PDB file of all heavy atoms in Angstrom:
ATOM      1  N   LEU A   1      40.887 -11.625 -30.918  1.00  0.00           N
ATOM      2  CA  LEU A   1      39.907 -12.134 -31.869  1.00  0.00           C
ATOM      3  C   LEU A   1      40.082 -13.631 -32.095  1.00  0.00           C
ATOM      4  O   LEU A   1      39.099 -14.366 -32.282  1.00  0.00           O
ATOM      5  CB  LEU A   1      40.031 -11.372 -33.182  1.00  0.00           C
ATOM      6  CG  LEU A   1      39.636  -9.889 -33.109  1.00  0.00           C
ATOM      7  CD1 LEU A   1      39.985  -9.176 -34.398  1.00  0.00           C
ATOM      8  CD2 LEU A   1      38.157  -9.738 -32.791  1.00  0.00           C
ATOM      9  N   GLN A   2      41.323 -14.097 -32.064  1.00  0.00           N
ATOM     10  CA  GLN A   2      41.578 -15.527 -32.184  1.00  0.00           C
ATOM     11  C   GLN A   2      40.916 -16.285 -31.036  1.00  0.00           C
ATOM     12  O   GLN A   2      40.289 -17.334 -31.230  1.00  0.00           O
ATOM     13  CB  GLN A   2      43.078 -15.788 -32.205  1.00  0.00           C
ATOM     14  CG  GLN A   2      43.459 -17.247 -32.336  1.00  0.00           C
ATOM     15  CD  GLN A   2      44.961 -17.452 -32.205  1.00  0.00           C
ATOM     16  OE1 GLN A   2      45.648 -16.682 -31.527  1.00  0.00           O
ATOM     17  NE2 GLN A   2      45.477 -18.492 -32.842  1.00  0.00           N
ATOM     18  N   ALA A   3      41.043 -15.749 -29.821  1.00  0.00           N
ATOM     19  CA  ALA A   3      40.439 -16.391 -28.655  1.00  0.00           C
ATOM     20  C   ALA A   3      38.919 -16.407 -28.756  1.00  0.00           C
ATOM     21  O   ALA A   3      38.265 -17.410 -28.418  1.00  0.00           O
ATOM     22  CB  ALA A   3      40.879 -15.676 -27.380  1.00  0.00           C
ATOM     23  N   GLU A   4      38.332 -15.298 -29.222  1.00  0.00           N
ATOM     24  CA  GLU A   4      36.877 -15.247 -29.372  1.00  0.00           C
ATOM     25  C   GLU A   4      36.401 -16.240 -30.431  1.00  0.00           C
ATOM     26  O   GLU A   4      35.374 -16.904 -30.267  1.00  0.00           O
ATOM     27  CB  GLU A   4      36.432 -13.826 -29.726  1.00  0.00           C
ATOM     28  CG  GLU A   4      36.478 -12.865 -28.569  1.00  0.00           C
ATOM     29  CD  GLU A   4      35.572 -13.295 -27.417  1.00  0.00           C
ATOM     30  OE1 GLU A   4      34.417 -13.707 -27.686  1.00  0.00           O
ATOM     31  OE2 GLU A   4      36.003 -13.237 -26.255  1.00  0.00           O
ATOM     32  N   ALA A   5      37.139 -16.339 -31.531  1.00  0.00           N
ATOM     33  CA  ALA A   5      36.761 -17.269 -32.588  1.00  0.00           C
ATOM     34  C   ALA A   5      36.847 -18.709 -32.095  1.00  0.00           C
ATOM     35  O   ALA A   5      35.974 -19.537 -32.390  1.00  0.00           O
ATOM     36  CB  ALA A   5      37.662 -17.062 -33.806  1.00  0.00           C
ATOM     37  N   ALA A   6      37.901 -19.018 -31.339  1.00  0.00           N
ATOM     38  CA  ALA A   6      38.059 -20.366 -30.815  1.00  0.00           C
ATOM     39  C   ALA A   6      36.914 -20.725 -29.875  1.00  0.00           C
ATOM     40  O   ALA A   6      36.366 -21.839 -29.936  1.00  0.00           O
ATOM     41  CB  ALA A   6      39.402 -20.491 -30.099  1.00  0.00           C
ATOM     42  N   ALA A   7      36.545 -19.786 -29.013  1.00  0.00           N
ATOM     43  CA  ALA A   7      35.431 -20.032 -28.094  1.00  0.00           C
ATOM     44  C   ALA A   7      34.129 -20.247 -28.857  1.00  0.00           C
ATOM     45  O   ALA A   7      33.324 -21.126 -28.516  1.00  0.00           O
ATOM     46  CB  ALA A   7      35.298 -18.866 -27.121  1.00  0.00           C
ATOM     47  N   PHE A   8      33.926 -19.450 -29.896  1.00  0.00           N
ATOM     48  CA  PHE A   8      32.706 -19.571 -30.698  1.00  0.00           C
ATOM     49  C   PHE A   8      32.645 -20.935 -31.394  1.00  0.00           C
ATOM     50  O   PHE A   8      31.584 -21.559 -31.478  1.00  0.00           O
ATOM     51  CB  PHE A   8      32.667 -18.451 -31.735  1.00  0.00           C
ATOM     52  CG  PHE A   8      31.512 -18.541 -32.698  1.00  0.00           C
ATOM     53  CD1 PHE A   8      30.241 -18.136 -32.320  1.00  0.00           C
ATOM     54  CD2 PHE A   8      31.701 -19.030 -33.982  1.00  0.00           C
ATOM     55  CE1 PHE A   8      29.171 -18.223 -33.213  1.00  0.00           C
ATOM     56  CE2 PHE A   8      30.641 -19.120 -34.869  1.00  0.00           C
ATOM     57  CZ  PHE A   8      29.374 -18.713 -34.483  1.00  0.00           C
ATOM     58  N   LEU A   9      33.802 -21.399 -31.887  1.00  0.00           N
ATOM     59  CA  LEU A   9      33.854 -22.672 -32.601  1.00  0.00           C
ATOM     60  C   LEU A   9      33.964 -23.875 -31.669  1.00  0.00           C
ATOM     61  O   LEU A   9      33.886 -25.018 -32.118  1.00  0.00           O
ATOM     62  CB  LEU A   9      35.042 -22.669 -33.569  1.00  0.00           C
ATOM     63  CG  LEU A   9      34.980 -21.650 -34.707  1.00  0.00           C
ATOM     64  CD1 LEU A   9      36.308 -21.596 -35.443  1.00  0.00           C
ATOM     65  CD2 LEU A   9      33.852 -21.967 -35.660  1.00  0.00           C
ATOM     66  N   GLY A  10      34.202 -23.608 -30.364  1.00  0.00           N
ATOM     67  CA  GLY A  10      34.381 -24.692 -29.418  1.00  0.00           C
ATOM     68  C   GLY A  10      35.677 -25.442 -29.610  1.00  0.00           C
ATOM     69  O   GLY A  10      35.734 -26.659 -29.411  1.00  0.00           O
ATOM     70  N   LYS A  11      36.733 -24.724 -29.985  1.00  0.00           N
ATOM     71  CA  LYS A  11      38.032 -25.327 -30.244  1.00  0.00           C
ATOM     72  C   LYS A  11      39.100 -24.713 -29.353  1.00  0.00           C
ATOM     73  O   LYS A  11      38.947 -23.580 -28.884  1.00  0.00           O
ATOM     74  CB  LYS A  11      38.438 -25.113 -31.706  1.00  0.00           C
ATOM     75  CG  LYS A  11      37.560 -25.781 -32.735  1.00  0.00           C
ATOM     76  CD  LYS A  11      38.108 -25.533 -34.134  1.00  0.00           C
ATOM     77  CE  LYS A  11      37.297 -26.255 -35.202  1.00  0.00           C
ATOM     78  NZ  LYS A  11      37.866 -26.006 -36.562  1.00  0.00           N
ATOM     79  N   PRO A  12      40.198 -25.410 -29.119  1.00  0.00           N
ATOM     80  CA  PRO A  12      41.345 -24.783 -28.466  1.00  0.00           C
ATOM     81  C   PRO A  12      41.888 -23.664 -29.352  1.00  0.00           C
ATOM     82  O   PRO A  12      41.793 -23.734 -30.587  1.00  0.00           O
ATOM     83  CB  PRO A  12      42.361 -25.927 -28.340  1.00  0.00           C
ATOM     84  CG  PRO A  12      41.576 -27.180 -28.516  1.00  0.00           C
ATOM     85  CD  PRO A  12      40.429 -26.845 -29.407  1.00  0.00           C
ATOM     86  N   VAL A  13      42.476 -22.661 -28.723  1.00  0.00           N
ATOM     87  CA  VAL A  13      42.986 -21.514 -29.475  1.00  0.00           C
ATOM     88  C   VAL A  13      43.981 -21.949 -30.543  1.00  0.00           C
ATOM     89  O   VAL A  13      43.974 -21.439 -31.673  1.00  0.00           O
ATOM     90  CB  VAL A  13      43.628 -20.490 -28.507  1.00  0.00           C
ATOM     91  CG1 VAL A  13      44.371 -19.404 -29.286  1.00  0.00           C
ATOM     92  CG2 VAL A  13      42.560 -19.856 -27.628  1.00  0.00           C
ATOM     93  N   GLN A  14      44.845 -22.913 -30.209  1.00  0.00           N
ATOM     94  CA  GLN A  14      45.865 -23.334 -31.169  1.00  0.00           C
ATOM     95  C   GLN A  14      45.269 -24.004 -32.397  1.00  0.00           C
ATOM     96  O   GLN A  14      45.952 -24.139 -33.431  1.00  0.00           O
ATOM     97  CB  GLN A  14      46.884 -24.271 -30.506  1.00  0.00           C
ATOM     98  CG  GLN A  14      46.318 -25.583 -29.997  1.00  0.00           C
ATOM     99  CD  GLN A  14      45.860 -25.499 -28.546  1.00  0.00           C
ATOM    100  OE1 GLN A  14      45.592 -24.413 -28.042  1.00  0.00           O
ATOM    101  NE2 GLN A  14      45.825 -26.642 -27.878  1.00  0.00           N
ATOM    102  N   ASP A  15      44.012 -24.392 -32.321  1.00  0.00           N
ATOM    103  CA  ASP A  15      43.366 -25.013 -33.478  1.00  0.00           C
ATOM    104  C   ASP A  15      42.672 -24.000 -34.376  1.00  0.00           C
ATOM    105  O   ASP A  15      41.989 -24.372 -35.342  1.00  0.00           O
ATOM    106  CB  ASP A  15      42.348 -26.056 -33.014  1.00  0.00           C
ATOM    107  CG  ASP A  15      43.023 -27.297 -32.437  1.00  0.00           C
ATOM    108  OD1 ASP A  15      44.247 -27.432 -32.590  1.00  0.00           O
ATOM    109  OD2 ASP A  15      42.321 -28.129 -31.814  1.00  0.00           O
ATOM    110  N   VAL A  16      42.822 -22.713 -34.068  1.00  0.00           N
ATOM    111  CA  VAL A  16      42.300 -21.649 -34.923  1.00  0.00           C
ATOM    112  C   VAL A  16      43.482 -20.751 -35.303  1.00  0.00           C
ATOM    113  O   VAL A  16      43.646 -19.646 -34.784  1.00  0.00           O
ATOM    114  CB  VAL A  16      41.193 -20.828 -34.212  1.00  0.00           C
ATOM    115  CG1 VAL A  16      40.581 -19.806 -35.179  1.00  0.00           C
ATOM    116  CG2 VAL A  16      40.115 -21.744 -33.673  1.00  0.00           C
ATOM    117  N   PRO A  17      44.353 -21.225 -36.178  1.00  0.00           N
ATOM    118  CA  PRO A  17      45.543 -20.441 -36.531  1.00  0.00           C
ATOM    119  C   PRO A  17      45.175 -19.194 -37.316  1.00  0.00           C
ATOM    120  O   PRO A  17      44.332 -19.240 -38.219  1.00  0.00           O
ATOM    121  CB  PRO A  17      46.364 -21.405 -37.387  1.00  0.00           C
ATOM    122  CG  PRO A  17      45.358 -22.342 -37.969  1.00  0.00           C
ATOM    123  CD  PRO A  17      44.297 -22.502 -36.914  1.00  0.00           C
ATOM    124  N   VAL A  18      45.770 -18.082 -36.958  1.00  0.00           N
ATOM    125  CA  VAL A  18      45.505 -16.817 -37.646  1.00  0.00           C
ATOM    126  C   VAL A  18      46.829 -16.182 -38.052  1.00  0.00           C
ATOM    127  O   VAL A  18      47.880 -16.471 -37.482  1.00  0.00           O
ATOM    128  CB  VAL A  18      44.704 -15.841 -36.754  1.00  0.00           C
ATOM    129  CG1 VAL A  18      43.345 -16.416 -36.409  1.00  0.00           C
ATOM    130  CG2 VAL A  18      45.465 -15.491 -35.485  1.00  0.00           C
ATOM    131  N   ARG A  19      46.747 -15.308 -39.027  1.00  0.00           N
ATOM    132  CA  ARG A  19      47.916 -14.566 -39.481  1.00  0.00           C
ATOM    133  C   ARG A  19      47.509 -13.127 -39.782  1.00  0.00           C
ATOM    134  O   ARG A  19      46.355 -12.852 -40.121  1.00  0.00           O
ATOM    135  CB  ARG A  19      48.515 -15.197 -40.741  1.00  0.00           C
ATOM    136  CG  ARG A  19      49.105 -16.589 -40.545  1.00  0.00           C
ATOM    137  CD  ARG A  19      50.316 -16.589 -39.619  1.00  0.00           C
ATOM    138  NE  ARG A  19      50.956 -17.890 -39.571  1.00  0.00           N
ATOM    139  CZ  ARG A  19      50.624 -18.880 -38.732  1.00  0.00           C
ATOM    140  NH1 ARG A  19      49.619 -18.712 -37.886  1.00  0.00           N
ATOM    141  NH2 ARG A  19      51.281 -20.024 -38.743  1.00  0.00           N
ATOM    142  N   MET A  20      48.478 -12.239 -39.678  1.00  0.00           N
ATOM    143  CA  MET A  20      48.257 -10.840 -40.004  1.00  0.00           C
ATOM    144  C   MET A  20      48.694 -10.574 -41.442  1.00  0.00           C
ATOM    145  O   MET A  20      49.781 -10.978 -41.854  1.00  0.00           O
ATOM    146  CB  MET A  20      49.051  -9.928 -39.061  1.00  0.00           C
ATOM    147  CG  MET A  20      48.945  -8.439 -39.405  1.00  0.00           C
ATOM    148  SD  MET A  20      50.110  -7.410 -38.462  1.00  0.00           S
ATOM    149  CE  MET A  20      49.416  -7.550 -36.816  1.00  0.00           C
ATOM    150  N   MET A  21      47.846  -9.903 -42.202  1.00  0.00           N
ATOM    151  CA  MET A  21      48.221  -9.421 -43.522  1.00  0.00           C
ATOM    152  C   MET A  21      48.111  -7.912 -43.550  1.00  0.00           C
ATOM    153  O   MET A  21      47.113  -7.346 -43.096  1.00  0.00           O
ATOM    154  CB  MET A  21      47.318 -10.008 -44.616  1.00  0.00           C
ATOM    155  CG  MET A  21      47.687  -9.501 -46.011  1.00  0.00           C
ATOM    156  SD  MET A  21      46.755 -10.300 -47.363  1.00  0.00           S
ATOM    157  CE  MET A  21      45.167  -9.459 -47.202  1.00  0.00           C
ATOM    158  N   LEU A  22      49.125  -7.253 -44.048  1.00  0.00           N
ATOM    159  CA  LEU A  22      49.080  -5.818 -44.262  1.00  0.00           C
ATOM    160  C   LEU A  22      49.062  -5.582 -45.760  1.00  0.00           C
ATOM    161  O   LEU A  22      49.875  -6.171 -46.491  1.00  0.00           O
ATOM    162  CB  LEU A  22      50.284  -5.125 -43.622  1.00  0.00           C
ATOM    163  CG  LEU A  22      50.051  -3.665 -43.241  1.00  0.00           C
ATOM    164  CD1 LEU A  22      48.980  -3.562 -42.172  1.00  0.00           C
ATOM    165  CD2 LEU A  22      51.330  -3.017 -42.734  1.00  0.00           C
ATOM    166  N   ALA A  23      48.141  -4.752 -46.222  1.00  0.00           N
ATOM    167  CA  ALA A  23      47.940  -4.615 -47.654  1.00  0.00           C
ATOM    168  C   ALA A  23      47.634  -3.179 -48.036  1.00  0.00           C
ATOM    169  O   ALA A  23      46.997  -2.434 -47.292  1.00  0.00           O
ATOM    170  CB  ALA A  23      46.792  -5.517 -48.107  1.00  0.00           C
ATOM    171  N   ASN A  24      48.115  -2.788 -49.216  1.00  0.00           N
ATOM    172  CA  ASN A  24      47.662  -1.581 -49.880  1.00  0.00           C
ATOM    173  C   ASN A  24      47.544  -1.905 -51.368  1.00  0.00           C
ATOM    174  O   ASN A  24      47.616  -3.063 -51.764  1.00  0.00           O
ATOM    175  CB  ASN A  24      48.584  -0.391 -49.595  1.00  0.00           C
ATOM    176  CG  ASN A  24      50.023  -0.636 -50.024  1.00  0.00           C
ATOM    177  OD1 ASN A  24      50.291  -1.372 -50.981  1.00  0.00           O
ATOM    178  ND2 ASN A  24      50.963  -0.035 -49.318  1.00  0.00           N
ATOM    179  N   ASN A  25      47.374  -0.898 -52.199  1.00  0.00           N
ATOM    180  CA  ASN A  25      47.169  -1.159 -53.621  1.00  0.00           C
ATOM    181  C   ASN A  25      48.410  -1.707 -54.311  1.00  0.00           C
ATOM    182  O   ASN A  25      48.313  -2.254 -55.412  1.00  0.00           O
ATOM    183  CB  ASN A  25      46.718   0.122 -54.326  1.00  0.00           C
ATOM    184  CG  ASN A  25      45.336   0.572 -53.888  1.00  0.00           C
ATOM    185  OD1 ASN A  25      44.517  -0.252 -53.507  1.00  0.00           O
ATOM    186  ND2 ASN A  25      45.083   1.866 -53.938  1.00  0.00           N
ATOM    187  N   GLU A  26      49.580  -1.568 -53.670  1.00  0.00           N
ATOM    188  CA  GLU A  26      50.823  -1.949 -54.316  1.00  0.00           C
ATOM    189  C   GLU A  26      51.473  -3.204 -53.745  1.00  0.00           C
ATOM    190  O   GLU A  26      52.266  -3.852 -54.428  1.00  0.00           O
ATOM    191  CB  GLU A  26      51.831  -0.790 -54.234  1.00  0.00           C
ATOM    192  CG  GLU A  26      51.366   0.466 -54.941  1.00  0.00           C
ATOM    193  CD  GLU A  26      52.411   1.565 -54.895  1.00  0.00           C
ATOM    194  OE1 GLU A  26      53.616   1.257 -54.929  1.00  0.00           O
ATOM    195  OE2 GLU A  26      52.015   2.737 -54.816  1.00  0.00           O
ATOM    196  N   LEU A  27      51.155  -3.549 -52.512  1.00  0.00           N
ATOM    197  CA  LEU A  27      51.888  -4.636 -51.866  1.00  0.00           C
ATOM    198  C   LEU A  27      51.038  -5.287 -50.785  1.00  0.00           C
ATOM    199  O   LEU A  27      50.334  -4.603 -50.043  1.00  0.00           O
ATOM    200  CB  LEU A  27      53.178  -4.078 -51.254  1.00  0.00           C
ATOM    201  CG  LEU A  27      54.141  -5.051 -50.581  1.00  0.00           C
ATOM    202  CD1 LEU A  27      54.693  -6.059 -51.585  1.00  0.00           C
ATOM    203  CD2 LEU A  27      55.290  -4.281 -49.922  1.00  0.00           C
ATOM    204  N   LYS A  28      51.144  -6.606 -50.702  1.00  0.00           N
ATOM    205  CA  LYS A  28      50.512  -7.372 -49.620  1.00  0.00           C
ATOM    206  C   LYS A  28      51.578  -8.238 -48.960  1.00  0.00           C
ATOM    207  O   LYS A  28      52.370  -8.886 -49.647  1.00  0.00           O
ATOM    208  CB  LYS A  28      49.390  -8.282 -50.146  1.00  0.00           C
ATOM    209  CG  LYS A  28      48.196  -7.584 -50.741  1.00  0.00           C
ATOM    210  CD  LYS A  28      47.159  -8.604 -51.187  1.00  0.00           C
ATOM    211  CE  LYS A  28      45.912  -7.936 -51.731  1.00  0.00           C
ATOM    212  NZ  LYS A  28      46.184  -7.277 -53.030  1.00  0.00           N
ATOM    213  N   THR A  29      51.582  -8.249 -47.634  1.00  0.00           N
ATOM    214  CA  THR A  29      52.496  -9.124 -46.905  1.00  0.00           C
ATOM    215  C   THR A  29      51.741  -9.854 -45.805  1.00  0.00           C
ATOM    216  O   THR A  29      50.853  -9.295 -45.160  1.00  0.00           O
ATOM    217  CB  THR A  29      53.675  -8.350 -46.265  1.00  0.00           C
ATOM    218  OG1 THR A  29      53.170  -7.479 -45.245  1.00  0.00           O
ATOM    219  CG2 THR A  29      54.433  -7.543 -47.295  1.00  0.00           C
ATOM    220  N   VAL A  30      52.099 -11.125 -45.610  1.00  0.00           N
ATOM    221  CA  VAL A  30      51.538 -11.942 -44.531  1.00  0.00           C
ATOM    222  C   VAL A  30      52.691 -12.369 -43.637  1.00  0.00           C
ATOM    223  O   VAL A  30      53.779 -12.703 -44.127  1.00  0.00           O
ATOM    224  CB  VAL A  30      50.799 -13.176 -45.089  1.00  0.00           C
ATOM    225  CG1 VAL A  30      50.273 -14.048 -43.953  1.00  0.00           C
ATOM    226  CG2 VAL A  30      49.646 -12.740 -45.990  1.00  0.00           C
ATOM    227  N   LEU A  31      52.459 -12.379 -42.324  1.00  0.00           N
ATOM    228  CA  LEU A  31      53.525 -12.608 -41.358  1.00  0.00           C
ATOM    229  C   LEU A  31      53.444 -14.007 -40.748  1.00  0.00           C
ATOM    230  O   LEU A  31      52.372 -14.469 -40.368  1.00  0.00           O
ATOM    231  CB  LEU A  31      53.438 -11.576 -40.231  1.00  0.00           C
ATOM    232  CG  LEU A  31      53.294 -10.109 -40.649  1.00  0.00           C
ATOM    233  CD1 LEU A  31      53.208  -9.226 -39.410  1.00  0.00           C
ATOM    234  CD2 LEU A  31      54.432  -9.673 -41.546  1.00  0.00           C
ATOM    235  N   VAL A  32      54.609 -14.637 -40.623  1.00  0.00           N
ATOM    236  CA  VAL A  32      54.682 -15.930 -39.939  1.00  0.00           C
ATOM    237  C   VAL A  32      54.442 -15.758 -38.446  1.00  0.00           C
ATOM    238  O   VAL A  32      53.755 -16.546 -37.804  1.00  0.00           O
ATOM    239  CB  VAL A  32      56.042 -16.611 -40.200  1.00  0.00           C
ATOM    240  CG1 VAL A  32      56.218 -17.850 -39.313  1.00  0.00           C
ATOM    241  CG2 VAL A  32      56.159 -17.005 -41.674  1.00  0.00           C
ATOM    242  N   SER A  33      55.019 -14.715 -37.841  1.00  0.00           N
ATOM    243  CA  SER A  33      54.792 -14.412 -36.417  1.00  0.00           C
ATOM    244  C   SER A  33      54.323 -12.974 -36.302  1.00  0.00           C
ATOM    245  O   SER A  33      54.534 -12.161 -37.201  1.00  0.00           O
ATOM    246  CB  SER A  33      56.061 -14.630 -35.595  1.00  0.00           C
ATOM    247  OG  SER A  33      57.082 -13.737 -36.003  1.00  0.00           O
ATOM    248  N   ILE A  34      53.706 -12.654 -35.161  1.00  0.00           N
ATOM    249  CA  ILE A  34      53.095 -11.322 -35.050  1.00  0.00           C
ATOM    250  C   ILE A  34      53.726 -10.547 -33.893  1.00  0.00           C
ATOM    251  O   ILE A  34      54.822 -10.033 -34.023  1.00  0.00           O
ATOM    252  CB  ILE A  34      51.562 -11.436 -34.903  1.00  0.00           C
ATOM    253  CG1 ILE A  34      50.988 -12.288 -36.060  1.00  0.00           C
ATOM    254  CG2 ILE A  34      50.913 -10.059 -34.941  1.00  0.00           C
ATOM    255  CD1 ILE A  34      49.502 -12.538 -35.980  1.00  0.00           C
ATOM    256  N   HIS A  35      53.052 -10.506 -32.754  1.00  0.00           N
ATOM    257  CA  HIS A  35      53.492  -9.642 -31.655  1.00  0.00           C
ATOM    258  C   HIS A  35      54.316 -10.438 -30.646  1.00  0.00           C
ATOM    259  O   HIS A  35      53.773 -11.034 -29.718  1.00  0.00           O
ATOM    260  CB  HIS A  35      52.283  -8.982 -30.978  1.00  0.00           C
ATOM    261  CG  HIS A  35      51.506  -8.099 -31.894  1.00  0.00           C
ATOM    262  ND1 HIS A  35      50.170  -8.270 -32.143  1.00  0.00           N
ATOM    263  CD2 HIS A  35      51.898  -7.041 -32.644  1.00  0.00           C
ATOM    264  CE1 HIS A  35      49.757  -7.353 -32.997  1.00  0.00           C
ATOM    265  NE2 HIS A  35      50.784  -6.603 -33.320  1.00  0.00           N
ATOM    266  N   MET A  36      55.615 -10.434 -30.870  1.00  0.00           N
ATOM    267  CA  MET A  36      56.543 -11.081 -29.949  1.00  0.00           C
ATOM    268  C   MET A  36      57.908 -10.458 -30.149  1.00  0.00           C
ATOM    269  O   MET A  36      58.147  -9.732 -31.119  1.00  0.00           O
ATOM    270  CB  MET A  36      56.589 -12.589 -30.194  1.00  0.00           C
ATOM    271  CG  MET A  36      56.980 -13.002 -31.605  1.00  0.00           C
ATOM    272  SD  MET A  36      56.972 -14.812 -31.860  1.00  0.00           S
ATOM    273  CE  MET A  36      55.262 -15.221 -31.595  1.00  0.00           C
ATOM    274  N   SER A  37      58.812 -10.727 -29.217  1.00  0.00           N
ATOM    275  CA  SER A  37      60.162 -10.175 -29.351  1.00  0.00           C
ATOM    276  C   SER A  37      60.848 -10.776 -30.573  1.00  0.00           C
ATOM    277  O   SER A  37      60.453 -11.834 -31.083  1.00  0.00           O
ATOM    278  CB  SER A  37      60.986 -10.495 -28.097  1.00  0.00           C
ATOM    279  OG  SER A  37      61.339 -11.872 -28.072  1.00  0.00           O
ATOM    280  N   LEU A  38      61.906 -10.110 -31.036  1.00  0.00           N
ATOM    281  CA  LEU A  38      62.624 -10.610 -32.203  1.00  0.00           C
ATOM    282  C   LEU A  38      63.242 -11.968 -31.923  1.00  0.00           C
ATOM    283  O   LEU A  38      63.244 -12.856 -32.785  1.00  0.00           O
ATOM    284  CB  LEU A  38      63.692  -9.602 -32.627  1.00  0.00           C
ATOM    285  CG  LEU A  38      64.450  -9.919 -33.923  1.00  0.00           C
ATOM    286  CD1 LEU A  38      63.495 -10.141 -35.082  1.00  0.00           C
ATOM    287  CD2 LEU A  38      65.438  -8.801 -34.244  1.00  0.00           C
ATOM    288  N   ARG A  39      63.762 -12.173 -30.703  1.00  0.00           N
ATOM    289  CA  ARG A  39      64.319 -13.484 -30.353  1.00  0.00           C
ATOM    290  C   ARG A  39      63.248 -14.576 -30.444  1.00  0.00           C
ATOM    291  O   ARG A  39      63.480 -15.668 -30.967  1.00  0.00           O
ATOM    292  CB  ARG A  39      64.905 -13.452 -28.942  1.00  0.00           C
ATOM    293  CG  ARG A  39      66.164 -12.602 -28.807  1.00  0.00           C
ATOM    294  CD  ARG A  39      66.725 -12.702 -27.404  1.00  0.00           C
ATOM    295  NE  ARG A  39      67.842 -11.787 -27.211  1.00  0.00           N
ATOM    296  CZ  ARG A  39      69.088 -12.051 -27.572  1.00  0.00           C
ATOM    297  NH1 ARG A  39      69.379 -13.207 -28.153  1.00  0.00           N
ATOM    298  NH2 ARG A  39      70.042 -11.172 -27.368  1.00  0.00           N
ATOM    299  N   GLN A  40      62.059 -14.271 -29.942  1.00  0.00           N
ATOM    300  CA  GLN A  40      60.970 -15.243 -30.015  1.00  0.00           C
ATOM    301  C   GLN A  40      60.525 -15.457 -31.462  1.00  0.00           C
ATOM    302  O   GLN A  40      60.185 -16.578 -31.866  1.00  0.00           O
ATOM    303  CB  GLN A  40      59.786 -14.763 -29.183  1.00  0.00           C
ATOM    304  CG  GLN A  40      60.021 -14.768 -27.681  1.00  0.00           C
ATOM    305  CD  GLN A  40      58.861 -14.136 -26.933  1.00  0.00           C
ATOM    306  OE1 GLN A  40      58.396 -13.055 -27.271  1.00  0.00           O
ATOM    307  NE2 GLN A  40      58.380 -14.827 -25.906  1.00  0.00           N
ATOM    308  N   ALA A  41      60.539 -14.379 -32.243  1.00  0.00           N
ATOM    309  CA  ALA A  41      60.093 -14.477 -33.628  1.00  0.00           C
ATOM    310  C   ALA A  41      61.018 -15.377 -34.446  1.00  0.00           C
ATOM    311  O   ALA A  41      60.558 -16.154 -35.288  1.00  0.00           O
ATOM    312  CB  ALA A  41      60.037 -13.084 -34.257  1.00  0.00           C
ATOM    313  N   ILE A  42      62.311 -15.287 -34.200  1.00  0.00           N
ATOM    314  CA  ILE A  42      63.253 -16.152 -34.903  1.00  0.00           C
ATOM    315  C   ILE A  42      62.994 -17.614 -34.539  1.00  0.00           C
ATOM    316  O   ILE A  42      62.988 -18.502 -35.406  1.00  0.00           O
ATOM    317  CB  ILE A  42      64.705 -15.746 -34.582  1.00  0.00           C
ATOM    318  CG1 ILE A  42      64.998 -14.365 -35.184  1.00  0.00           C
ATOM    319  CG2 ILE A  42      65.698 -16.780 -35.112  1.00  0.00           C
ATOM    320  CD1 ILE A  42      66.318 -13.768 -34.734  1.00  0.00           C
ATOM    321  N   ALA A  43      62.751 -17.854 -33.265  1.00  0.00           N
ATOM    322  CA  ALA A  43      62.465 -19.221 -32.823  1.00  0.00           C
ATOM    323  C   ALA A  43      61.148 -19.735 -33.398  1.00  0.00           C
ATOM    324  O   ALA A  43      60.948 -20.946 -33.530  1.00  0.00           O
ATOM    325  CB  ALA A  43      62.428 -19.274 -31.297  1.00  0.00           C
ATOM    326  N   ALA A  44      60.237 -18.813 -33.750  1.00  0.00           N
ATOM    327  CA  ALA A  44      58.930 -19.204 -34.285  1.00  0.00           C
ATOM    328  C   ALA A  44      58.995 -19.597 -35.759  1.00  0.00           C
ATOM    329  O   ALA A  44      57.989 -20.071 -36.311  1.00  0.00           O
ATOM    330  CB  ALA A  44      57.929 -18.067 -34.107  1.00  0.00           C
ATOM    331  N   VAL A  45      60.141 -19.378 -36.392  1.00  0.00           N
ATOM    332  CA  VAL A  45      60.294 -19.792 -37.791  1.00  0.00           C
ATOM    333  C   VAL A  45      60.586 -21.290 -37.811  1.00  0.00           C
ATOM    334  O   VAL A  45      61.728 -21.736 -37.747  1.00  0.00           O
ATOM    335  CB  VAL A  45      61.415 -18.991 -38.495  1.00  0.00           C
ATOM    336  CG1 VAL A  45      61.594 -19.471 -39.936  1.00  0.00           C
ATOM    337  CG2 VAL A  45      61.084 -17.511 -38.467  1.00  0.00           C
ATOM    338  N   THR A  46      59.539 -22.076 -37.854  1.00  0.00           N
ATOM    339  CA  THR A  46      59.643 -23.530 -37.897  1.00  0.00           C
ATOM    340  C   THR A  46      58.988 -24.034 -39.188  1.00  0.00           C
ATOM    341  O   THR A  46      58.220 -23.304 -39.838  1.00  0.00           O
ATOM    342  CB  THR A  46      58.933 -24.175 -36.701  1.00  0.00           C
ATOM    343  OG1 THR A  46      57.516 -23.910 -36.793  1.00  0.00           O
ATOM    344  CG2 THR A  46      59.465 -23.617 -35.379  1.00  0.00           C
TER     345      THR A  46
END
């Protein structure tokens, strides 16, 4: 979806930053990194 949005906006993918939020009635969380290995995820904490 990020790639489709970037194409629609005429922007590079990296210029359309997205994040995943998981939510229910009791708790909402947003993630700094999404689908990558744990080693990569640690490196993504910048």
